[in-house]
Amino acid sequence: MSGDLTPFLTSWPYDPDHTLRIVAAEDGRQVLQVRLPLGVEQYELDGRPDGARPFEKESFVEEVEDRVAAHVSHYGSDSEFELGHDDATALHNEGLLFYYRYLLLFQINDFARVARDTGHNLKLCRLLERYCSDDSDRNAVLQFKPYILRMNAMARAMLSIQNQVRDVAHSVLTKAIQEIESLEEIESPAFQFERIRSINYLRSALRQIDEQASGPINELETELQKAVDDENYERAAEIRDRLRRMGDSP
């Protein structure tokens, strides 16, 4: 079999406006492909993005969590458990893989998987915060925690909006802002930049939710109350019918 990729790349010409697709692999599972100017990347949609199973686990995060559990079972607490440089590096590298994938998933509005992948990276952050004593190893990942929190909150908020529960979306974004504001300071330009940018981004999203909440439905509700106050019951019945139809629409 020739290793030349030309026929495959020719069959999917590079188009900067259409670079993502989900296709079926030979065994039937779906994979995410990205067309780049000079080639193609392929991501597993579930499990680790590269399909690897470190220590026969779904992820290295799961492996570390199992190590912590075993340590606690043997010693009674996790106080002496520590992550060394190699483990911290392995976590960092795995986090990058999940980051690359959730960026792509966000582009195709797969918010459930974005929430899952950012949740994985938040677990990774917590492991480093608790068990890694080397600041350099910790901060290689933790400097980007504001961004991970922002993407996680946006994904969960978008899922809530799709399910017509805007109050839940509002709460998710508000709590994320508070958590980002309360993060321990890290002496890193990336941390400062990401914290400010993420807070501003989430506040903007909150404003959009509030503006939509005060849109046509709210205006009709105000008009309905005025019709009732004026004892214009025919007009009130008409507005109620319009509100009911809007509530039934997808």
C-alpha atoms as a PDB file:
ATOM      1  CA  MET A   1       0.000   0.000   0.000  1.00  0.00           C
ATOM      2  CA  SER A   2       1.385   3.386  -1.022  1.00  0.00           C
ATOM      3  CA  GLY A   3       1.931   5.961   1.708  1.00  0.00           C
ATOM      4  CA  ASP A   4       1.114   8.797  -0.684  1.00  0.00           C
ATOM      5  CA  LEU A   5      -1.822  10.863   0.634  1.00  0.00           C
ATOM      6  CA  THR A   6      -2.374  12.781  -2.598  1.00  0.00           C
ATOM      7  CA  PRO A   7      -5.513  10.868  -3.713  1.00  0.00           C
ATOM      8  CA  PHE A   8      -7.146  11.327  -0.305  1.00  0.00           C
ATOM      9  CA  LEU A   9      -6.284  15.020  -0.074  1.00  0.00           C
ATOM     10  CA  THR A  10      -7.474  15.576  -3.643  1.00  0.00           C
ATOM     11  CA  SER A  11     -10.814  14.007  -2.763  1.00  0.00           C
ATOM     12  CA  TRP A  12     -11.254  16.620  -0.013  1.00  0.00           C
ATOM     13  CA  PRO A  13      -9.809  19.911  -1.301  1.00  0.00           C
ATOM     14  CA  TYR A  14      -8.912  22.522   1.278  1.00  0.00           C
ATOM     15  CA  ASP A  15     -11.649  25.145   1.742  1.00  0.00           C
ATOM     16  CA  PRO A  16     -11.050  27.575   4.626  1.00  0.00           C
ATOM     17  CA  ASP A  17     -14.806  27.983   5.085  1.00  0.00           C
ATOM     18  CA  HIS A  18     -15.470  24.239   5.387  1.00  0.00           C
ATOM     19  CA  THR A  19     -12.680  22.521   7.292  1.00  0.00           C
ATOM     20  CA  LEU A  20     -14.582  20.170   9.628  1.00  0.00           C
ATOM     21  CA  ARG A  21     -16.488  16.983   9.011  1.00  0.00           C
ATOM     22  CA  ILE A  22     -17.637  13.917  10.929  1.00  0.00           C
ATOM     23  CA  VAL A  23     -17.216  10.617   9.100  1.00  0.00           C
ATOM     24  CA  ALA A  24     -17.682   6.939   9.872  1.00  0.00           C
ATOM     25  CA  ALA A  25     -14.537   4.922  10.487  1.00  0.00           C
ATOM     26  CA  GLU A  26     -14.164   1.356   9.225  1.00  0.00           C
ATOM     27  CA  ASP A  27     -15.572  -0.091  12.437  1.00  0.00           C
ATOM     28  CA  GLY A  28     -18.603   2.222  12.327  1.00  0.00           C
ATOM     29  CA  ARG A  29     -17.564   4.688  15.024  1.00  0.00           C
ATOM     30  CA  GLN A  30     -17.679   8.373  14.136  1.00  0.00           C
ATOM     31  CA  VAL A  31     -14.540  10.497  14.036  1.00  0.00           C
ATOM     32  CA  LEU A  32     -13.967  14.218  13.598  1.00  0.00           C
ATOM     33  CA  GLN A  33     -11.679  15.301  10.767  1.00  0.00           C
ATOM     34  CA  VAL A  34     -10.088  18.700  10.171  1.00  0.00           C
ATOM     35  CA  ARG A  35      -8.843  19.692   6.718  1.00  0.00           C
ATOM     36  CA  LEU A  36      -5.688  21.798   6.978  1.00  0.00           C
ATOM     37  CA  PRO A  37      -3.860  23.501   4.107  1.00  0.00           C
ATOM     38  CA  LEU A  38      -1.236  20.736   4.086  1.00  0.00           C
ATOM     39  CA  GLY A  39      -3.098  17.725   5.386  1.00  0.00           C
ATOM     40  CA  VAL A  40      -5.752  16.322   7.708  1.00  0.00           C
ATOM     41  CA  GLU A  41      -6.109  15.792  11.467  1.00  0.00           C
ATOM     42  CA  GLN A  42      -8.434  13.168  12.896  1.00  0.00           C
ATOM     43  CA  TYR A  43      -9.930  13.159  16.392  1.00  0.00           C
ATOM     44  CA  GLU A  44     -11.880  10.529  18.248  1.00  0.00           C
ATOM     45  CA  LEU A  45     -15.214  11.981  19.339  1.00  0.00           C
ATOM     46  CA  ASP A  46     -15.182  10.047  22.611  1.00  0.00           C
ATOM     47  CA  GLY A  47     -12.408   8.960  24.950  1.00  0.00           C
ATOM     48  CA  ARG A  48      -9.022  10.566  24.437  1.00  0.00           C
ATOM     49  CA  PRO A  49      -8.875  12.610  21.234  1.00  0.00           C
ATOM     50  CA  ASP A  50      -5.904  10.551  20.002  1.00  0.00           C
ATOM     51  CA  GLY A  51      -7.563   7.214  20.814  1.00  0.00           C
ATOM     52  CA  ALA A  52      -4.832   6.264  23.296  1.00  0.00           C
ATOM     53  CA  ARG A  53      -5.617   4.415  26.526  1.00  0.00           C
ATOM     54  CA  PRO A  54      -2.851   5.222  29.032  1.00  0.00           C
ATOM     55  CA  PHE A  55      -2.515   2.353  31.533  1.00  0.00           C
ATOM     56  CA  GLU A  56      -5.640   0.877  29.872  1.00  0.00           C
ATOM     57  CA  LYS A  57      -7.694   3.813  31.180  1.00  0.00           C
ATOM     58  CA  GLU A  58      -9.923   6.285  29.359  1.00  0.00           C
ATOM     59  CA  SER A  59      -7.448   9.053  30.156  1.00  0.00           C
ATOM     60  CA  PHE A  60      -4.376   9.833  32.220  1.00  0.00           C
ATOM     61  CA  VAL A  61      -6.617  11.925  34.487  1.00  0.00           C
ATOM     62  CA  GLU A  62      -8.520   8.726  35.306  1.00  0.00           C
ATOM     63  CA  GLU A  63      -5.227   6.932  35.968  1.00  0.00           C
ATOM     64  CA  VAL A  64      -4.117   9.644  38.434  1.00  0.00           C
ATOM     65  CA  GLU A  65      -7.508   9.623  40.157  1.00  0.00           C
ATOM     66  CA  ASP A  66      -7.161   5.850  40.601  1.00  0.00           C
ATOM     67  CA  ARG A  67      -3.658   6.324  42.040  1.00  0.00           C
ATOM     68  CA  VAL A  68      -4.998   8.846  44.537  1.00  0.00           C
ATOM     69  CA  ALA A  69      -7.810   6.475  45.532  1.00  0.00           C
ATOM     70  CA  ALA A  70      -5.316   3.621  46.023  1.00  0.00           C
ATOM     71  CA  HIS A  71      -3.067   5.891  48.110  1.00  0.00           C
ATOM     72  CA  VAL A  72      -5.983   6.913  50.326  1.00  0.00           C
ATOM     73  CA  SER A  73      -7.045   3.279  50.704  1.00  0.00           C
ATOM     74  CA  HIS A  74      -3.536   2.303  51.825  1.00  0.00           C
ATOM     75  CA  TYR A  75      -2.532   5.306  53.953  1.00  0.00           C
ATOM     76  CA  GLY A  76      -5.890   6.662  55.077  1.00  0.00           C
ATOM     77  CA  SER A  77      -5.494  10.087  53.418  1.00  0.00           C
ATOM     78  CA  ASP A  78      -4.064  11.781  50.345  1.00  0.00           C
ATOM     79  CA  SER A  79      -1.805  14.120  52.331  1.00  0.00           C
ATOM     80  CA  GLU A  80       1.429  12.478  51.159  1.00  0.00           C
ATOM     81  CA  PHE A  81       0.405  11.920  47.526  1.00  0.00           C
ATOM     82  CA  GLU A  82       2.383  14.026  45.066  1.00  0.00           C
ATOM     83  CA  LEU A  83       2.622  14.413  41.315  1.00  0.00           C
ATOM     84  CA  GLY A  84       6.147  14.626  39.943  1.00  0.00           C
ATOM     85  CA  HIS A  85       7.368  16.411  36.838  1.00  0.00           C
ATOM     86  CA  ASP A  86       6.727  13.516  34.441  1.00  0.00           C
ATOM     87  CA  ASP A  87       3.145  13.048  35.622  1.00  0.00           C
ATOM     88  CA  ALA A  88       2.481  16.786  35.474  1.00  0.00           C
ATOM     89  CA  THR A  89       3.861  16.869  31.931  1.00  0.00           C
ATOM     90  CA  ALA A  90       1.667  13.919  30.917  1.00  0.00           C
ATOM     91  CA  LEU A  91      -1.384  15.727  32.321  1.00  0.00           C
ATOM     92  CA  HIS A  92      -0.418  18.916  30.510  1.00  0.00           C
ATOM     93  CA  ASN A  93      -0.039  17.095  27.204  1.00  0.00           C
ATOM     94  CA  GLU A  94      -3.363  15.320  27.626  1.00  0.00           C
ATOM     95  CA  GLY A  95      -5.045  18.616  28.461  1.00  0.00           C
ATOM     96  CA  LEU A  96      -3.777  20.069  25.190  1.00  0.00           C
ATOM     97  CA  LEU A  97      -5.381  17.232  23.224  1.00  0.00           C
ATOM     98  CA  PHE A  98      -8.729  17.849  24.892  1.00  0.00           C
ATOM     99  CA  TYR A  99      -8.338  21.604  24.322  1.00  0.00           C
ATOM    100  CA  TYR A 100      -7.762  21.121  20.588  1.00  0.00           C
ATOM    101  CA  ARG A 101     -10.858  18.944  20.364  1.00  0.00           C
ATOM    102  CA  TYR A 102     -13.255  21.100  22.361  1.00  0.00           C
ATOM    103  CA  LEU A 103     -12.354  24.132  20.273  1.00  0.00           C
ATOM    104  CA  LEU A 104     -13.465  22.220  17.178  1.00  0.00           C
ATOM    105  CA  LEU A 105     -16.551  20.818  18.884  1.00  0.00           C
ATOM    106  CA  PHE A 106     -17.609  24.335  19.900  1.00  0.00           C
ATOM    107  CA  GLN A 107     -17.473  25.360  16.236  1.00  0.00           C
ATOM    108  CA  ILE A 108     -19.995  22.656  15.296  1.00  0.00           C
ATOM    109  CA  ASN A 109     -22.226  23.425  18.316  1.00  0.00           C
ATOM    110  CA  ASP A 110     -21.601  20.074  20.019  1.00  0.00           C
ATOM    111  CA  PHE A 111     -21.981  21.713  23.408  1.00  0.00           C
ATOM    112  CA  ALA A 112     -22.510  18.475  25.335  1.00  0.00           C
ATOM    113  CA  ARG A 113     -19.070  17.203  24.311  1.00  0.00           C
ATOM    114  CA  VAL A 114     -17.520  20.644  24.924  1.00  0.00           C
ATOM    115  CA  ALA A 115     -18.887  20.544  28.476  1.00  0.00           C
ATOM    116  CA  ARG A 116     -17.500  17.032  28.854  1.00  0.00           C
ATOM    117  CA  ASP A 117     -14.007  17.908  27.560  1.00  0.00           C
ATOM    118  CA  THR A 118     -13.693  21.139  29.507  1.00  0.00           C
ATOM    119  CA  GLY A 119     -14.918  19.224  32.566  1.00  0.00           C
ATOM    120  CA  HIS A 120     -12.053  16.787  32.003  1.00  0.00           C
ATOM    121  CA  ASN A 121      -9.556  19.652  31.918  1.00  0.00           C
ATOM    122  CA  LEU A 122     -11.025  21.173  35.069  1.00  0.00           C
ATOM    123  CA  LYS A 123     -10.476  17.827  36.825  1.00  0.00           C
ATOM    124  CA  LEU A 124      -6.916  17.976  35.527  1.00  0.00           C
ATOM    125  CA  CYS A 125      -6.518  21.444  37.035  1.00  0.00           C
ATOM    126  CA  ARG A 126      -7.776  20.263  40.408  1.00  0.00           C
ATOM    127  CA  LEU A 127      -5.298  17.372  40.436  1.00  0.00           C
ATOM    128  CA  LEU A 128      -2.417  19.761  39.759  1.00  0.00           C
ATOM    129  CA  GLU A 129      -3.653  22.267  42.337  1.00  0.00           C
ATOM    130  CA  ARG A 130      -3.823  19.648  45.068  1.00  0.00           C
ATOM    131  CA  TYR A 131      -0.954  17.293  44.309  1.00  0.00           C
ATOM    132  CA  CYS A 132       1.703  19.155  42.313  1.00  0.00           C
ATOM    133  CA  SER A 133       4.070  21.264  44.416  1.00  0.00           C
ATOM    134  CA  ASP A 134       6.227  22.597  41.574  1.00  0.00           C
ATOM    135  CA  ASP A 135       4.894  26.016  40.537  1.00  0.00           C
ATOM    136  CA  SER A 136       6.266  25.760  37.023  1.00  0.00           C
ATOM    137  CA  ASP A 137       4.574  22.416  36.410  1.00  0.00           C
ATOM    138  CA  ARG A 138       1.310  23.607  37.996  1.00  0.00           C
ATOM    139  CA  ASN A 139       1.096  26.934  36.237  1.00  0.00           C
ATOM    140  CA  ALA A 140       1.809  25.522  32.785  1.00  0.00           C
ATOM    141  CA  VAL A 141      -1.863  24.503  32.905  1.00  0.00           C
ATOM    142  CA  LEU A 142      -3.424  26.635  35.663  1.00  0.00           C
ATOM    143  CA  GLN A 143      -2.595  29.902  33.897  1.00  0.00           C
ATOM    144  CA  PHE A 144      -5.319  28.932  31.415  1.00  0.00           C
ATOM    145  CA  LYS A 145      -7.937  27.925  33.983  1.00  0.00           C
ATOM    146  CA  PRO A 146     -10.002  31.123  33.465  1.00  0.00           C
ATOM    147  CA  TYR A 147     -10.386  30.201  29.811  1.00  0.00           C
ATOM    148  CA  ILE A 148     -11.333  26.589  30.610  1.00  0.00           C
ATOM    149  CA  LEU A 149     -13.958  27.802  33.093  1.00  0.00           C
ATOM    150  CA  ARG A 150     -15.325  30.222  30.507  1.00  0.00           C
ATOM    151  CA  MET A 151     -15.645  27.575  27.793  1.00  0.00           C
ATOM    152  CA  ASN A 152     -17.212  25.111  30.216  1.00  0.00           C
ATOM    153  CA  ALA A 153     -19.754  27.702  31.352  1.00  0.00           C
ATOM    154  CA  MET A 154     -20.588  28.778  27.797  1.00  0.00           C
ATOM    155  CA  ALA A 155     -21.163  25.171  26.720  1.00  0.00           C
ATOM    156  CA  ARG A 156     -23.454  24.466  29.682  1.00  0.00           C
ATOM    157  CA  ALA A 157     -25.265  27.764  29.190  1.00  0.00           C
ATOM    158  CA  MET A 158     -25.856  27.029  25.512  1.00  0.00           C
ATOM    159  CA  LEU A 159     -27.295  23.623  26.427  1.00  0.00           C
ATOM    160  CA  SER A 160     -29.652  25.347  28.881  1.00  0.00           C
ATOM    161  CA  ILE A 161     -30.731  27.881  26.264  1.00  0.00           C
ATOM    162  CA  GLN A 162     -31.403  25.077  23.778  1.00  0.00           C
ATOM    163  CA  ASN A 163     -33.626  23.490  26.448  1.00  0.00           C
ATOM    164  CA  GLN A 164     -35.462  26.793  26.991  1.00  0.00           C
ATOM    165  CA  VAL A 165     -34.190  27.309  30.551  1.00  0.00           C
ATOM    166  CA  ARG A 166     -32.541  30.704  30.339  1.00  0.00           C
ATOM    167  CA  ASP A 167     -32.580  31.187  34.092  1.00  0.00           C
ATOM    168  CA  VAL A 168     -30.278  28.177  34.428  1.00  0.00           C
ATOM    169  CA  ALA A 169     -27.989  29.613  31.727  1.00  0.00           C
ATOM    170  CA  HIS A 170     -27.935  32.923  33.608  1.00  0.00           C
ATOM    171  CA  SER A 171     -26.987  31.143  36.839  1.00  0.00           C
ATOM    172  CA  VAL A 172     -24.237  29.102  35.153  1.00  0.00           C
ATOM    173  CA  LEU A 173     -22.603  32.211  33.684  1.00  0.00           C
ATOM    174  CA  THR A 174     -22.917  34.192  36.908  1.00  0.00           C
ATOM    175  CA  LYS A 175     -21.277  31.446  38.967  1.00  0.00           C
ATOM    176  CA  ALA A 176     -18.469  31.100  36.410  1.00  0.00           C
ATOM    177  CA  ILE A 177     -17.719  34.824  36.641  1.00  0.00           C
ATOM    178  CA  GLN A 178     -17.581  34.584  40.430  1.00  0.00           C
ATOM    179  CA  GLU A 179     -15.284  31.564  40.276  1.00  0.00           C
ATOM    180  CA  ILE A 180     -12.907  33.230  37.819  1.00  0.00           C
ATOM    181  CA  GLU A 181     -12.809  36.380  39.954  1.00  0.00           C
ATOM    182  CA  SER A 182     -11.944  34.309  43.040  1.00  0.00           C
ATOM    183  CA  LEU A 183      -9.099  32.331  41.436  1.00  0.00           C
ATOM    184  CA  GLU A 184      -5.760  32.457  43.199  1.00  0.00           C
ATOM    185  CA  GLU A 185      -3.396  34.875  41.489  1.00  0.00           C
ATOM    186  CA  ILE A 186      -0.784  33.444  39.148  1.00  0.00           C
ATOM    187  CA  GLU A 187       2.164  35.537  38.034  1.00  0.00           C
ATOM    188  CA  SER A 188       1.638  34.972  34.351  1.00  0.00           C
ATOM    189  CA  PRO A 189       0.613  37.411  31.597  1.00  0.00           C
ATOM    190  CA  ALA A 190      -1.505  34.631  30.084  1.00  0.00           C
ATOM    191  CA  PHE A 191      -3.428  34.217  33.352  1.00  0.00           C
ATOM    192  CA  GLN A 192      -4.111  37.950  33.701  1.00  0.00           C
ATOM    193  CA  PHE A 193      -5.166  38.238  30.072  1.00  0.00           C
ATOM    194  CA  GLU A 194      -7.407  35.172  30.144  1.00  0.00           C
ATOM    195  CA  ARG A 195      -9.069  36.193  33.399  1.00  0.00           C
ATOM    196  CA  ILE A 196      -9.979  39.668  32.160  1.00  0.00           C
ATOM    197  CA  ARG A 197     -11.037  38.435  28.732  1.00  0.00           C
ATOM    198  CA  SER A 198     -13.108  35.560  30.109  1.00  0.00           C
ATOM    199  CA  ILE A 199     -14.949  37.739  32.629  1.00  0.00           C
ATOM    200  CA  ASN A 200     -15.741  40.312  29.947  1.00  0.00           C
ATOM    201  CA  TYR A 201     -16.890  37.591  27.556  1.00  0.00           C
ATOM    202  CA  LEU A 202     -19.201  36.005  30.131  1.00  0.00           C
ATOM    203  CA  ARG A 203     -20.623  39.371  31.167  1.00  0.00           C
ATOM    204  CA  SER A 204     -21.392  40.096  27.522  1.00  0.00           C
ATOM    205  CA  ALA A 205     -23.165  36.741  27.247  1.00  0.00           C
ATOM    206  CA  LEU A 206     -25.189  37.598  30.361  1.00  0.00           C
ATOM    207  CA  ARG A 207     -26.252  40.891  28.826  1.00  0.00           C
ATOM    208  CA  GLN A 208     -27.429  39.090  25.696  1.00  0.00           C
ATOM    209  CA  ILE A 209     -29.531  36.716  27.789  1.00  0.00           C
ATOM    210  CA  ASP A 210     -31.053  39.655  29.675  1.00  0.00           C
ATOM    211  CA  GLU A 211     -31.782  41.513  26.439  1.00  0.00           C
ATOM    212  CA  GLN A 212     -33.471  38.467  24.946  1.00  0.00           C
ATOM    213  CA  ALA A 213     -35.498  38.021  28.111  1.00  0.00           C
ATOM    214  CA  SER A 214     -36.755  41.577  27.738  1.00  0.00           C
ATOM    215  CA  GLY A 215     -37.557  41.084  24.051  1.00  0.00           C
ATOM    216  CA  PRO A 216     -40.894  40.516  22.252  1.00  0.00           C
ATOM    217  CA  ILE A 217     -42.405  38.176  24.869  1.00  0.00           C
ATOM    218  CA  ASN A 218     -41.739  40.599  27.697  1.00  0.00           C
ATOM    219  CA  GLU A 219     -43.167  43.481  25.653  1.00  0.00           C
ATOM    220  CA  LEU A 220     -46.322  41.481  24.974  1.00  0.00           C
ATOM    221  CA  GLU A 221     -46.663  40.630  28.671  1.00  0.00           C
ATOM    222  CA  THR A 222     -46.477  44.336  29.503  1.00  0.00           C
ATOM    223  CA  GLU A 223     -49.068  45.090  26.832  1.00  0.00           C
ATOM    224  CA  LEU A 224     -51.301  42.320  28.209  1.00  0.00           C
ATOM    225  CA  GLN A 225     -51.217  43.810  31.694  1.00  0.00           C
ATOM    226  CA  LYS A 226     -52.129  47.229  30.291  1.00  0.00           C
ATOM    227  CA  ALA A 227     -55.091  45.731  28.380  1.00  0.00           C
ATOM    228  CA  VAL A 228     -56.346  44.054  31.552  1.00  0.00           C
ATOM    229  CA  ASP A 229     -55.928  47.285  33.555  1.00  0.00           C
ATOM    230  CA  ASP A 230     -57.921  49.139  30.856  1.00  0.00           C
ATOM    231  CA  GLU A 231     -60.573  46.373  30.925  1.00  0.00           C
ATOM    232  CA  ASN A 232     -59.949  45.832  27.203  1.00  0.00           C
ATOM    233  CA  TYR A 233     -60.581  42.102  27.473  1.00  0.00           C
ATOM    234  CA  GLU A 234     -60.860  41.477  23.752  1.00  0.00           C
ATOM    235  CA  ARG A 235     -57.352  42.884  23.266  1.00  0.00           C
ATOM    236  CA  ALA A 236     -56.121  40.915  26.304  1.00  0.00           C
ATOM    237  CA  ALA A 237     -57.463  37.652  24.817  1.00  0.00           C
ATOM    238  CA  GLU A 238     -55.709  38.380  21.525  1.00  0.00           C
ATOM    239  CA  ILE A 239     -52.365  38.973  23.287  1.00  0.00           C
ATOM    240  CA  ARG A 240     -52.771  35.798  25.352  1.00  0.00           C
ATOM    241  CA  ASP A 241     -53.248  33.826  22.147  1.00  0.00           C
ATOM    242  CA  ARG A 242     -50.078  35.329  20.660  1.00  0.00           C
ATOM    243  CA  LEU A 243     -48.091  34.550  23.814  1.00  0.00           C
ATOM    244  CA  ARG A 244     -49.382  30.981  23.803  1.00  0.00           C
ATOM    245  CA  ARG A 245     -48.322  30.494  20.170  1.00  0.00           C
ATOM    246  CA  MET A 246     -44.863  31.918  20.913  1.00  0.00           C
ATOM    247  CA  GLY A 247     -44.511  29.592  23.871  1.00  0.00           C
ATOM    248  CA  ASP A 248     -45.374  26.592  21.711  1.00  0.00           C
ATOM    249  CA  SER A 249     -42.819  27.447  19.038  1.00  0.00           C
ATOM    250  CA  PRO A 250     -39.442  25.625  19.051  1.00  0.00           C
END
